[in-house]
Protein backbone atom coordinates (compact mmCIF):
# COMPACT_ATOMS: atom_id res chain seq x y z
CA MET A 1 60.26 -47.43 30.71
CA SER A 2 60.85 -46.32 27.41
CA GLU A 3 64.13 -47.09 25.30
CA CYS A 4 63.38 -42.95 25.03
CA THR A 5 63.63 -42.37 28.70
CA THR A 6 66.41 -45.29 28.97
CA ARG A 7 68.82 -43.01 26.57
CA LYS A 8 67.86 -39.96 29.20
CA LEU A 9 68.84 -41.26 32.18
CA ALA A 10 71.78 -42.60 30.66
CA LYS A 11 72.87 -39.09 28.85
CA ARG A 12 72.00 -37.85 32.31
CA LEU A 13 73.90 -39.87 34.60
CA TRP A 14 77.02 -38.88 31.91
CA TRP A 15 76.80 -35.35 32.65
CA ASP A 16 76.50 -36.27 36.07
CA ILE A 17 79.58 -38.08 36.23
CA ALA A 18 80.95 -35.57 33.88
CA ASP A 19 80.32 -32.76 36.07
CA PRO A 20 83.10 -32.39 38.91
CA ASN A 21 80.44 -31.10 41.99
CA GLU A 22 77.86 -33.66 41.08
CA ARG A 23 80.43 -36.57 41.15
CA LYS A 24 81.82 -35.93 44.45
CA TYR A 25 77.98 -36.01 45.45
CA LEU A 26 77.74 -39.51 43.36
CA GLN A 27 80.96 -41.13 44.79
CA TYR A 28 80.54 -40.06 48.70
CA PHE A 29 76.20 -41.78 48.30
CA LEU A 30 78.20 -44.84 47.34
CA MET A 31 80.02 -44.62 50.87
CA ALA A 32 77.19 -43.40 53.00
CA GLY A 33 75.66 -46.12 54.24
CA ILE A 34 79.08 -48.39 54.93
CA PRO A 35 78.76 -48.96 58.68
CA GLY A 36 81.32 -48.91 61.11
CA LEU A 37 84.41 -47.32 62.49
CA PHE A 38 86.01 -47.70 58.81
CA GLY A 39 82.64 -45.55 57.46
CA ASP A 40 82.80 -43.28 59.72
CA MET A 41 86.64 -42.51 59.26
CA LEU A 42 86.29 -42.84 55.33
CA ARG A 43 83.47 -40.34 55.36
CA GLY A 44 85.62 -38.04 57.42
CA SER A 45 88.43 -38.37 55.14
CA PHE A 46 86.24 -38.25 52.23
CA VAL A 47 84.33 -34.89 53.47
CA SER A 48 87.46 -32.71 55.05
CA LYS A 49 89.32 -32.76 51.47
CA ARG A 50 86.32 -31.50 49.90
CA VAL A 51 85.49 -28.29 52.75
CA ALA A 52 86.35 -24.72 52.92
CA SER A 53 88.01 -26.21 56.33
CA CYS A 54 88.28 -29.00 58.66
CA GLY A 55 89.88 -29.76 61.75
CA VAL A 56 91.25 -32.77 62.86
CA ASN A 57 89.22 -36.36 64.59
CA PHE A 58 86.17 -35.15 62.15
CA ARG A 59 83.79 -37.96 62.26
CA VAL A 60 80.75 -38.80 60.09
CA LEU A 61 78.23 -41.07 60.58
CA ALA A 62 76.16 -43.18 58.37
CA GLY A 63 73.52 -42.38 55.97
CA THR A 64 74.65 -38.17 56.20
CA ARG A 65 74.17 -36.02 53.23
CA PHE A 66 75.89 -32.68 52.28
CA ARG A 67 75.00 -30.07 49.93
CA SER A 68 78.10 -27.07 48.64
CA MET A 69 80.41 -28.63 51.41
CA GLU A 70 82.76 -26.64 49.37
CA LYS A 71 81.08 -23.93 52.49
CA LEU A 72 81.59 -25.78 54.93
CA LYS A 73 83.98 -24.41 57.84
CA ILE A 74 84.45 -27.85 60.39
CA GLY A 75 86.04 -27.03 63.69
CA ASP A 76 88.91 -29.84 65.32
CA ASN A 77 86.83 -32.71 67.48
CA VAL A 78 83.72 -32.74 65.20
CA SER A 79 80.93 -35.57 65.00
CA ILE A 80 78.55 -35.87 62.42
CA GLY A 81 75.14 -38.31 63.49
CA TYR A 82 73.17 -40.78 62.01
CA ASP A 83 71.21 -39.48 59.18
CA ASN A 84 71.97 -35.67 59.30
CA PHE A 85 71.40 -33.39 56.28
CA ILE A 86 73.62 -30.57 56.14
CA GLN A 87 72.91 -27.90 53.21
CA ALA A 88 75.89 -25.86 53.60
CA ARG A 89 74.77 -23.20 50.40
CA GLY A 90 74.77 -20.04 52.39
CA GLY A 91 77.32 -21.10 54.59
CA VAL A 92 77.67 -23.72 57.45
CA THR A 93 80.30 -23.12 60.21
CA LEU A 94 80.63 -25.69 62.82
CA GLY A 95 83.05 -24.95 65.96
CA ASN A 96 85.43 -27.33 67.90
CA ASP A 97 83.73 -30.26 69.57
CA VAL A 98 80.81 -29.65 68.08
CA MET A 99 78.71 -32.91 68.22
CA THR A 100 74.89 -33.57 66.50
CA ALA A 101 72.81 -36.60 67.17
CA PRO A 102 70.59 -38.50 64.26
CA GLY A 103 68.56 -37.22 62.36
CA VAL A 104 69.72 -33.71 62.64
CA LYS A 105 68.99 -31.15 59.90
CA ILE A 106 71.19 -27.60 59.49
CA TRP A 107 70.12 -24.92 56.60
CA SER A 108 71.42 -22.57 55.41
CA VAL A 109 69.15 -21.74 52.24
CA ASN A 110 65.67 -21.27 52.12
CA HIS A 111 63.12 -19.90 49.36
CA ASP A 112 61.77 -16.97 48.78
CA ILE A 113 58.21 -16.33 49.11
CA GLN A 114 57.16 -12.70 49.21
CA ASP A 115 55.75 -12.19 45.85
CA PRO A 116 52.17 -13.56 45.62
CA ASP A 117 51.92 -13.78 41.92
CA LYS A 118 54.30 -15.55 40.87
CA LEU A 119 55.07 -19.38 41.67
CA ILE A 120 57.27 -20.13 44.56
CA ARG A 121 59.50 -22.43 42.35
CA GLU A 122 59.67 -19.26 40.29
CA GLN A 123 61.25 -17.30 42.34
CA ASP A 124 64.54 -16.49 44.22
CA GLU A 125 66.07 -18.03 47.18
CA THR A 126 67.77 -16.31 50.11
CA THR A 127 71.12 -17.74 51.70
CA ALA A 128 71.75 -17.26 55.04
CA GLU A 129 75.46 -17.78 57.04
CA VAL A 130 74.91 -20.18 59.87
CA ILE A 131 77.93 -19.93 62.58
CA ILE A 132 77.52 -22.72 65.33
CA GLY A 133 80.57 -22.08 67.93
CA ASN A 134 82.86 -24.65 70.00
CA ASP A 135 81.09 -27.15 72.72
CA VAL A 136 78.02 -27.59 71.08
CA PHE A 137 75.85 -30.51 71.22
CA ILE A 138 71.92 -30.28 68.72
CA ALA A 139 69.69 -33.09 69.81
CA SER A 140 67.93 -35.92 67.30
CA ASN A 141 65.73 -34.28 65.19
CA ALA A 142 66.90 -30.58 65.65
CA PHE A 143 66.63 -28.12 62.34
CA ILE A 144 68.52 -25.24 62.42
CA LEU A 145 67.24 -22.83 60.03
CA PRO A 146 69.31 -20.22 57.98
CA GLY A 147 70.74 -17.20 59.91
CA VAL A 148 71.36 -19.36 63.24
CA THR A 149 74.19 -18.54 65.48
CA LEU A 150 74.37 -20.71 68.25
CA PRO A 151 77.33 -19.18 70.81
CA ASP A 152 79.90 -21.66 72.55
CA GLY A 153 78.74 -24.27 74.65
CA CYS A 154 75.00 -24.13 73.81
CA VAL A 155 72.18 -27.47 73.92
CA VAL A 156 69.79 -27.78 71.40
CA ALA A 157 66.88 -29.84 72.38
CA ALA A 158 65.21 -33.18 70.48
CA GLY A 159 62.82 -31.71 68.04
CA SER A 160 63.72 -28.00 68.81
CA VAL A 161 63.55 -25.92 65.27
CA VAL A 162 65.72 -23.17 65.99
CA GLY A 163 65.30 -20.48 64.22
CA ALA A 164 67.38 -17.16 63.63
CA LYS A 165 67.03 -14.69 66.91
CA ALA A 166 69.64 -14.31 69.87
CA TYR A 167 70.96 -16.96 72.13
CA LYS A 168 73.30 -16.37 75.10
CA PRO A 169 76.18 -18.68 75.98
CA TYR A 170 75.94 -22.10 77.80
CA ALA A 171 71.53 -21.56 76.79
CA ILE A 172 69.38 -24.45 76.76
CA ILE A 173 67.64 -24.36 73.44
CA ALA A 174 64.01 -26.11 73.06
CA GLY A 175 60.86 -26.08 71.42
CA ASN A 176 59.35 -25.51 68.12
CA PRO A 177 59.61 -22.50 67.98
CA ALA A 178 62.69 -23.29 69.95
CA ARG A 179 63.75 -20.60 72.85
CA MET A 180 65.85 -20.89 76.18
CA ILE A 181 65.18 -22.34 78.78
CA GLY A 182 67.87 -22.57 81.17
CA PHE A 183 71.69 -22.42 81.03
CA ARG A 184 74.42 -25.34 81.50
CA GLY A 185 75.65 -26.00 85.28
CA GLY A 186 73.78 -22.11 86.09
CA LYS A 187 76.41 -20.65 83.83
CA ALA A 188 73.94 -17.46 82.74
CA THR A 189 76.30 -14.50 81.04
CA GLU A 190 74.74 -11.27 80.32
């Protein structure tokens, strides 16, 4: 690496450390992989002080990443699984007793692609709030897209890609694209 490149990197690191918003992500990065219950509690405590709101008993397992955490609202007894990624720029609300399994992604922002005469990277981004109700379980590697609302009691199957459409409480949701395939305990609601 050239001396010029090293200097540029050092300056960029300095500016990231000086920026309070970036500094919190650097601090979180240092604790993101700490194993065990201590690490879970440490991450939960750190994140709970930097989100829009947070209830009690919040746990974050190792490897999870957050962006725009200041727009994240978290209820009571929420557990975020290993290696999740939550992008909350458009707003993300997690109700009480929400659990996510490993590898879940929750996204509230997307690239605009409407103008074919303009490079995608030069187009704007669209945000849409994600709302996850109480007592929801999202299984491994599911992807929750911008604008999704999951009512109370829903279960999202592993590997599902959940788009913004109407879902009913206690629905079991599966597939790509995701659709309702049943209801928990026969609790179908109208």
